[in-house]
C-alpha atoms as a PDB file:
ATOM      1  CA  MET A   1     113.388  86.841 -36.629  1.00  0.00           C
ATOM      2  CA  THR A   2     112.407  83.285 -35.787  1.00  0.00           C
ATOM      3  CA  ARG A   3     113.513  82.338 -32.301  1.00  0.00           C
ATOM      4  CA  LEU A   4     116.718  80.294 -32.407  1.00  0.00           C
ATOM      5  CA  SER A   5     116.704  77.409 -29.992  1.00  0.00           C
ATOM      6  CA  LEU A   6     119.742  76.396 -27.978  1.00  0.00           C
ATOM      7  CA  ILE A   7     121.163  73.076 -29.073  1.00  0.00           C
ATOM      8  CA  SER A   8     123.333  70.873 -26.923  1.00  0.00           C
ATOM      9  CA  LEU A   9     126.245  69.104 -28.568  1.00  0.00           C
ATOM     10  CA  LEU A  10     125.963  66.539 -25.821  1.00  0.00           C
ATOM     11  CA  LEU A  11     123.342  64.989 -28.121  1.00  0.00           C
ATOM     12  CA  LEU A  12     126.225  63.406 -29.988  1.00  0.00           C
ATOM     13  CA  ALA A  13     126.269  60.546 -27.517  1.00  0.00           C
ATOM     14  CA  LEU A  14     125.717  56.968 -28.685  1.00  0.00           C
ATOM     15  CA  CYS A  15     122.142  55.955 -27.940  1.00  0.00           C
ATOM     16  CA  ALA A  16     121.713  52.499 -29.485  1.00  0.00           C
ATOM     17  CA  VAL A  17     124.154  49.667 -30.012  1.00  0.00           C
ATOM     18  CA  THR A  18     122.970  46.253 -31.103  1.00  0.00           C
ATOM     19  CA  ALA A  19     126.130  44.168 -30.738  1.00  0.00           C
ATOM     20  CA  SER A  20     129.435  43.873 -28.909  1.00  0.00           C
ATOM     21  CA  CYS A  21     132.567  41.802 -29.407  1.00  0.00           C
ATOM     22  CA  SER A  22     135.891  40.842 -27.851  1.00  0.00           C
ATOM     23  CA  ASP A  23     139.334  41.809 -29.148  1.00  0.00           C
ATOM     24  CA  ASP A  24     139.680  38.333 -30.689  1.00  0.00           C
ATOM     25  CA  ASP A  25     136.358  38.523 -32.543  1.00  0.00           C
ATOM     26  CA  ILE A  26     135.979  41.929 -34.186  1.00  0.00           C
ATOM     27  CA  GLY A  27     132.483  42.185 -35.641  1.00  0.00           C
ATOM     28  CA  GLU A  28     131.602  43.804 -38.953  1.00  0.00           C
ATOM     29  CA  GLN A  29     129.936  46.685 -37.081  1.00  0.00           C
ATOM     30  CA  TYR A  30     133.492  47.910 -36.470  1.00  0.00           C
ATOM     31  CA  THR A  31     135.104  46.968 -39.778  1.00  0.00           C
ATOM     32  CA  ASP A  32     132.497  46.998 -42.570  1.00  0.00           C
ATOM     33  CA  TYR A  33     129.580  49.406 -42.322  1.00  0.00           C
ATOM     34  CA  ARG A  34     127.834  52.466 -43.765  1.00  0.00           C
ATOM     35  CA  ASN A  35     127.593  55.741 -41.850  1.00  0.00           C
ATOM     36  CA  ASP A  36     124.745  57.923 -43.188  1.00  0.00           C
ATOM     37  CA  ILE A  37     122.544  60.783 -42.030  1.00  0.00           C
ATOM     38  CA  VAL A  38     118.997  59.463 -42.439  1.00  0.00           C
ATOM     39  CA  THR A  39     115.435  60.483 -41.529  1.00  0.00           C
ATOM     40  CA  TYR A  40     113.687  58.543 -38.774  1.00  0.00           C
ATOM     41  CA  ASN A  41     110.141  57.649 -39.901  1.00  0.00           C
ATOM     42  CA  GLY A  42     108.633  55.766 -36.959  1.00  0.00           C
ATOM     43  CA  TRP A  43     107.815  52.111 -36.368  1.00  0.00           C
ATOM     44  CA  ASN A  44     106.654  49.470 -38.824  1.00  0.00           C
ATOM     45  CA  GLY A  45     104.097  46.732 -38.175  1.00  0.00           C
ATOM     46  CA  SER A  46     106.744  44.573 -36.502  1.00  0.00           C
ATOM     47  CA  GLY A  47     107.626  47.243 -33.954  1.00  0.00           C
ATOM     48  CA  ASN A  48     110.969  48.090 -35.534  1.00  0.00           C
ATOM     49  CA  ALA A  49     112.188  51.494 -36.717  1.00  0.00           C
ATOM     50  CA  THR A  50     112.211  52.552 -40.355  1.00  0.00           C
ATOM     51  CA  PHE A  51     114.413  55.242 -41.830  1.00  0.00           C
ATOM     52  CA  THR A  52     114.712  57.047 -45.156  1.00  0.00           C
ATOM     53  CA  LEU A  53     118.110  57.345 -46.762  1.00  0.00           C
ATOM     54  CA  VAL A  54     117.572  60.490 -48.842  1.00  0.00           C
ATOM     55  CA  GLY A  55     119.564  60.276 -52.070  1.00  0.00           C
ATOM     56  CA  ARG A  56     122.647  62.432 -52.653  1.00  0.00           C
ATOM     57  CA  ASN A  57     121.617  65.637 -54.426  1.00  0.00           C
ATOM     58  CA  ASP A  58     118.395  64.444 -56.141  1.00  0.00           C
ATOM     59  CA  GLU A  59     119.150  60.749 -56.458  1.00  0.00           C
ATOM     60  CA  GLN A  60     116.606  58.087 -55.491  1.00  0.00           C
ATOM     61  CA  SER A  61     115.784  57.730 -51.799  1.00  0.00           C
ATOM     62  CA  VAL A  62     115.642  54.347 -50.082  1.00  0.00           C
ATOM     63  CA  LEU A  63     113.353  53.144 -47.269  1.00  0.00           C
ATOM     64  CA  LEU A  64     115.392  51.256 -44.660  1.00  0.00           C
ATOM     65  CA  ASN A  65     113.633  48.571 -42.593  1.00  0.00           C
ATOM     66  CA  SER A  66     115.749  48.028 -39.488  1.00  0.00           C
ATOM     67  CA  ASP A  67     116.005  45.739 -36.475  1.00  0.00           C
ATOM     68  CA  VAL A  68     116.095  48.719 -34.067  1.00  0.00           C
ATOM     69  CA  LYS A  69     113.635  48.671 -31.163  1.00  0.00           C
ATOM     70  CA  PRO A  70     111.980  51.779 -29.612  1.00  0.00           C
ATOM     71  CA  ILE A  71     114.263  54.591 -28.441  1.00  0.00           C
ATOM     72  CA  ASP A  72     112.932  57.110 -25.929  1.00  0.00           C
ATOM     73  CA  GLY A  73     112.569  60.678 -27.160  1.00  0.00           C
ATOM     74  CA  LEU A  74     113.111  60.017 -30.863  1.00  0.00           C
ATOM     75  CA  LYS A  75     110.405  61.668 -32.985  1.00  0.00           C
ATOM     76  CA  ALA A  76     109.361  60.960 -36.556  1.00  0.00           C
ATOM     77  CA  GLY A  77     111.047  63.367 -38.956  1.00  0.00           C
ATOM     78  CA  GLN A  78     114.237  63.716 -36.915  1.00  0.00           C
ATOM     79  CA  ARG A  79     117.522  63.340 -38.743  1.00  0.00           C
ATOM     80  CA  VAL A  80     120.008  60.957 -37.132  1.00  0.00           C
ATOM     81  CA  LEU A  81     123.409  59.467 -37.868  1.00  0.00           C
ATOM     82  CA  LEU A  82     122.985  55.743 -38.512  1.00  0.00           C
ATOM     83  CA  ARG A  83     125.759  53.148 -38.609  1.00  0.00           C
ATOM     84  CA  TYR A  84     124.449  50.045 -40.360  1.00  0.00           C
ATOM     85  CA  ASN A  85     124.807  47.544 -43.145  1.00  0.00           C
ATOM     86  CA  PHE A  86     122.378  46.023 -45.623  1.00  0.00           C
ATOM     87  CA  SER A  87     121.115  42.611 -44.563  1.00  0.00           C
ATOM     88  CA  ASP A  88     119.506  41.671 -47.901  1.00  0.00           C
ATOM     89  CA  ASP A  89     120.788  41.101 -51.416  1.00  0.00           C
ATOM     90  CA  GLY A  90     119.383  44.235 -53.015  1.00  0.00           C
ATOM     91  CA  ASN A  91     121.043  46.576 -55.468  1.00  0.00           C
ATOM     92  CA  GLY A  92     121.321  50.278 -56.163  1.00  0.00           C
ATOM     93  CA  TYR A  93     117.921  50.419 -57.899  1.00  0.00           C
ATOM     94  CA  ASP A  94     115.838  49.138 -54.959  1.00  0.00           C
ATOM     95  CA  ASP A  95     113.686  51.669 -53.093  1.00  0.00           C
ATOM     96  CA  VAL A  96     113.265  49.420 -50.001  1.00  0.00           C
ATOM     97  CA  ARG A  97     116.103  47.633 -48.195  1.00  0.00           C
ATOM     98  CA  ASN A  98     116.459  45.635 -44.984  1.00  0.00           C
ATOM     99  CA  ILE A  99     119.331  46.629 -42.705  1.00  0.00           C
ATOM    100  CA  THR A 100     121.147  45.607 -39.545  1.00  0.00           C
ATOM    101  CA  ALA A 101     121.716  48.707 -37.397  1.00  0.00           C
ATOM    102  CA  TYR A 102     124.838  48.942 -35.246  1.00  0.00           C
ATOM    103  CA  SER A 103     124.408  52.381 -33.702  1.00  0.00           C
ATOM    104  CA  LEU A 104     122.195  55.434 -33.891  1.00  0.00           C
ATOM    105  CA  THR A 105     123.385  58.907 -32.887  1.00  0.00           C
ATOM    106  CA  ARG A 106     121.154  61.905 -32.313  1.00  0.00           C
ATOM    107  CA  ILE A 107     122.427  64.938 -34.230  1.00  0.00           C
ATOM    108  CA  ILE A 108     121.374  68.552 -34.723  1.00  0.00           C
ATOM    109  CA  SER A 109     118.136  68.268 -36.719  1.00  0.00           C
ATOM    110  CA  ASP A 110     116.449  71.547 -37.637  1.00  0.00           C
ATOM    111  CA  THR A 111     114.798  73.599 -40.381  1.00  0.00           C
ATOM    112  CA  LEU A 112     116.137  76.725 -42.058  1.00  0.00           C
ATOM    113  CA  ARG A 113     115.605  79.807 -39.861  1.00  0.00           C
ATOM    114  CA  HIS A 114     115.124  83.423 -40.987  1.00  0.00           C
ATOM    115  CA  HIS A 115     116.815  86.682 -40.049  1.00  0.00           C
ATOM    116  CA  ALA A 116     117.260  90.192 -41.457  1.00  0.00           C
ATOM    117  CA  GLY A 117     120.916  90.589 -42.405  1.00  0.00           C
ATOM    118  CA  ASP A 118     123.844  88.252 -41.919  1.00  0.00           C
ATOM    119  CA  SER A 119     124.484  86.293 -38.737  1.00  0.00           C
ATOM    120  CA  PRO A 120     127.717  85.795 -36.794  1.00  0.00           C
ATOM    121  CA  CYS A 121     129.412  82.442 -36.865  1.00  0.00           C
ATOM    122  CA  ARG A 122     132.158  81.213 -34.615  1.00  0.00           C
ATOM    123  CA  THR A 123     134.817  79.284 -36.498  1.00  0.00           C
ATOM    124  CA  VAL A 124     134.270  75.616 -37.275  1.00  0.00           C
ATOM    125  CA  ARG A 125     136.548  72.993 -38.776  1.00  0.00           C
ATOM    126  CA  LEU A 126     134.597  71.811 -41.796  1.00  0.00           C
ATOM    127  CA  ARG A 127     134.824  68.154 -42.759  1.00  0.00           C
ATOM    128  CA  SER A 128     131.975  67.968 -45.275  1.00  0.00           C
ATOM    129  CA  LEU A 129     128.977  69.987 -46.453  1.00  0.00           C
ATOM    130  CA  TRP A 130     126.540  68.297 -48.823  1.00  0.00           C
ATOM    131  CA  ARG A 131     122.931  68.167 -50.043  1.00  0.00           C
ATOM    132  CA  THR A 132     120.574  65.214 -49.945  1.00  0.00           C
ATOM    133  CA  GLY A 133     117.194  66.102 -51.434  1.00  0.00           C
ATOM    134  CA  ASP A 134     115.813  69.042 -49.451  1.00  0.00           C
ATOM    135  CA  TYR A 135     118.433  68.790 -46.690  1.00  0.00           C
ATOM    136  CA  ILE A 136     121.766  70.537 -46.235  1.00  0.00           C
ATOM    137  CA  ASN A 137     124.024  68.349 -44.096  1.00  0.00           C
ATOM    138  CA  ILE A 138     127.209  69.276 -42.274  1.00  0.00           C
ATOM    139  CA  HIS A 139     130.007  67.361 -40.601  1.00  0.00           C
ATOM    140  CA  CYS A 140     132.447  69.579 -38.771  1.00  0.00           C
ATOM    141  CA  GLN A 141     134.365  70.030 -35.558  1.00  0.00           C
ATOM    142  CA  VAL A 142     133.392  72.665 -33.001  1.00  0.00           C
ATOM    143  CA  GLU A 143     134.887  73.826 -29.735  1.00  0.00           C
ATOM    144  CA  TYR A 144     133.525  71.877 -26.792  1.00  0.00           C
ATOM    145  CA  THR A 145     132.031  73.753 -23.833  1.00  0.00           C
ATOM    146  CA  GLY A 146     129.892  71.128 -22.129  1.00  0.00           C
ATOM    147  CA  LYS A 147     126.941  73.518 -22.362  1.00  0.00           C
ATOM    148  CA  GLU A 148     124.247  74.383 -24.864  1.00  0.00           C
ATOM    149  CA  ARG A 149     124.945  76.744 -27.748  1.00  0.00           C
ATOM    150  CA  VAL A 150     123.227  78.189 -30.804  1.00  0.00           C
ATOM    151  CA  PHE A 151     123.898  76.167 -33.963  1.00  0.00           C
ATOM    152  CA  ALA A 152     121.521  76.905 -36.834  1.00  0.00           C
ATOM    153  CA  LEU A 153     121.311  77.595 -40.545  1.00  0.00           C
ATOM    154  CA  VAL A 154     119.788  81.049 -41.041  1.00  0.00           C
ATOM    155  CA  ALA A 155     118.534  82.672 -44.264  1.00  0.00           C
ATOM    156  CA  ASP A 156     118.847  86.406 -44.910  1.00  0.00           C
ATOM    157  CA  ASP A 157     115.244  87.566 -45.396  1.00  0.00           C
ATOM    158  CA  ALA A 158     116.338  90.219 -47.902  1.00  0.00           C
ATOM    159  CA  THR A 159     117.452  87.503 -50.343  1.00  0.00           C
ATOM    160  CA  LEU A 160     114.508  85.093 -50.021  1.00  0.00           C
ATOM    161  CA  HIS A 161     113.056  86.132 -53.391  1.00  0.00           C
ATOM    162  CA  SER A 162     116.387  86.503 -55.175  1.00  0.00           C
ATOM    163  CA  ASP A 163     118.028  84.102 -57.608  1.00  0.00           C
ATOM    164  CA  THR A 164     120.600  83.400 -54.879  1.00  0.00           C
ATOM    165  CA  VAL A 165     119.374  82.952 -51.302  1.00  0.00           C
ATOM    166  CA  ASP A 166     122.103  83.737 -48.780  1.00  0.00           C
ATOM    167  CA  CYS A 167     122.187  81.488 -45.710  1.00  0.00           C
ATOM    168  CA  TYR A 168     124.575  81.664 -42.776  1.00  0.00           C
ATOM    169  CA  LEU A 169     125.717  79.031 -40.348  1.00  0.00           C
ATOM    170  CA  ARG A 170     124.972  80.710 -37.034  1.00  0.00           C
ATOM    171  CA  HIS A 171     127.184  79.247 -34.338  1.00  0.00           C
ATOM    172  CA  GLU A 172     127.452  81.001 -30.974  1.00  0.00           C
ATOM    173  CA  LEU A 173     129.018  79.781 -27.733  1.00  0.00           C
ATOM    174  CA  ARG A 174     127.509  82.680 -25.807  1.00  0.00           C
ATOM    175  CA  THR A 175     129.893  83.418 -22.900  1.00  0.00           C
ATOM    176  CA  ASP A 176     130.947  79.817 -22.232  1.00  0.00           C
ATOM    177  CA  THR A 177     134.606  78.787 -22.142  1.00  0.00           C
ATOM    178  CA  ALA A 178     135.789  76.745 -25.122  1.00  0.00           C
ATOM    179  CA  TYR A 179     137.993  73.701 -24.580  1.00  0.00           C
ATOM    180  CA  HIS A 180     138.979  70.990 -27.070  1.00  0.00           C
ATOM    181  CA  TRP A 181     137.463  70.375 -30.501  1.00  0.00           C
ATOM    182  CA  ARG A 182     134.891  67.634 -31.017  1.00  0.00           C
ATOM    183  CA  GLU A 183     132.821  66.139 -33.827  1.00  0.00           C
ATOM    184  CA  CYS A 184     129.490  67.690 -34.778  1.00  0.00           C
ATOM    185  CA  TYR A 185     126.833  66.596 -37.303  1.00  0.00           C
ATOM    186  CA  GLY A 186     123.802  68.591 -38.381  1.00  0.00           C
ATOM    187  CA  SER A 187     121.041  68.387 -40.965  1.00  0.00           C
ATOM    188  CA  PHE A 188     118.781  71.280 -41.961  1.00  0.00           C
ATOM    189  CA  TYR A 189     115.577  71.122 -44.002  1.00  0.00           C
ATOM    190  CA  VAL A 190     115.689  73.821 -46.703  1.00  0.00           C
ATOM    191  CA  GLY A 191     112.966  72.597 -49.074  1.00  0.00           C
ATOM    192  CA  ALA A 192     110.874  75.782 -48.797  1.00  0.00           C
ATOM    193  CA  ILE A 193     113.597  77.696 -50.664  1.00  0.00           C
ATOM    194  CA  TRP A 194     113.090  75.611 -53.808  1.00  0.00           C
ATOM    195  CA  ARG A 195     109.323  75.082 -53.578  1.00  0.00           C
ATOM    196  CA  GLY A 196     108.038  76.504 -56.852  1.00  0.00           C
ATOM    197  CA  HIS A 197     111.500  77.942 -57.644  1.00  0.00           C
ATOM    198  CA  PRO A 198     113.890  75.059 -58.367  1.00  0.00           C
ATOM    199  CA  GLU A 199     116.150  77.437 -60.301  1.00  0.00           C
ATOM    200  CA  ARG A 200     117.281  79.250 -57.155  1.00  0.00           C
ATOM    201  CA  THR A 201     120.777  78.875 -55.740  1.00  0.00           C
ATOM    202  CA  LEU A 202     121.133  78.329 -51.997  1.00  0.00           C
ATOM    203  CA  ARG A 203     124.423  79.833 -50.800  1.00  0.00           C
ATOM    204  CA  VAL A 204     125.768  78.716 -47.413  1.00  0.00           C
ATOM    205  CA  HIS A 205     128.239  81.120 -45.749  1.00  0.00           C
ATOM    206  CA  LEU A 206     130.412  79.908 -42.877  1.00  0.00           C
ATOM    207  CA  ASP A 207     133.663  80.672 -41.088  1.00  0.00           C
ATOM    208  CA  ASP A 208     135.882  77.626 -41.603  1.00  0.00           C
ATOM    209  CA  ASN A 209     139.517  77.408 -40.534  1.00  0.00           C
ATOM    210  CA  THR A 210     140.115  74.201 -42.516  1.00  0.00           C
ATOM    211  CA  PHE A 211     139.644  76.000 -45.850  1.00  0.00           C
ATOM    212  CA  PRO A 212     139.747  79.690 -44.777  1.00  0.00           C
ATOM    213  CA  SER A 213     139.847  81.026 -48.340  1.00  0.00           C
ATOM    214  CA  VAL A 214     136.445  79.468 -49.128  1.00  0.00           C
ATOM    215  CA  LYS A 215     133.737  81.718 -47.709  1.00  0.00           C
ATOM    216  CA  TYR A 216     130.603  80.041 -49.078  1.00  0.00           C
ATOM    217  CA  TYR A 217     129.228  76.977 -50.887  1.00  0.00           C
ATOM    218  CA  ASP A 218     126.456  76.982 -53.517  1.00  0.00           C
ATOM    219  CA  PHE A 219     123.749  74.340 -53.877  1.00  0.00           C
ATOM    220  CA  ASN A 220     121.415  74.014 -56.840  1.00  0.00           C
ATOM    221  CA  LYS A 221     118.449  71.858 -57.774  1.00  0.00           C
ATOM    222  CA  GLN A 222     119.070  72.109 -61.505  1.00  0.00           C
END
């Protein structure tokens, strides 16, 4: 089994805000914006960050040129939650857009792990589970502990060569006390599952108390 790293949900703190306003002058960063999970690429020739908005399912991806300056500890390839708006007059067919970024939030960014057999999952409150390209993304609520926990997407090794690959959301608090519920975002790279086998189904199992009768969700490339 690949070693599962401990992930701190304290990473969901705001780490970059580009504007502020008074109660009498509410800026568009609070009223009119996009909120997307994107891939951080690095810095362009002007010293600003670029991101890739990977298209929903297999739709076209868009390169986002931003006005964000360097942020300590952010590495190329990390998935982040970006609040922004387009600052140009492009359209839905453009593959490069300029944006104004309002905030950037570090989220759980990982690749699919492997394990023999299923994996336990503490209950989450699912808000959304969706695919963008080779990423499975999740927005949910989890119980807050103030400490690190295991939160990973894990494939059952026995199904890796099957038509349906079973994956489990592994969520463990260890022995920490749970308090209130809080927001959690994660994005997991799963592209290796479909490499050379786009016909495979990726099945994500999780324990969700929002829709308890739904035990898994299927994702397909075709």
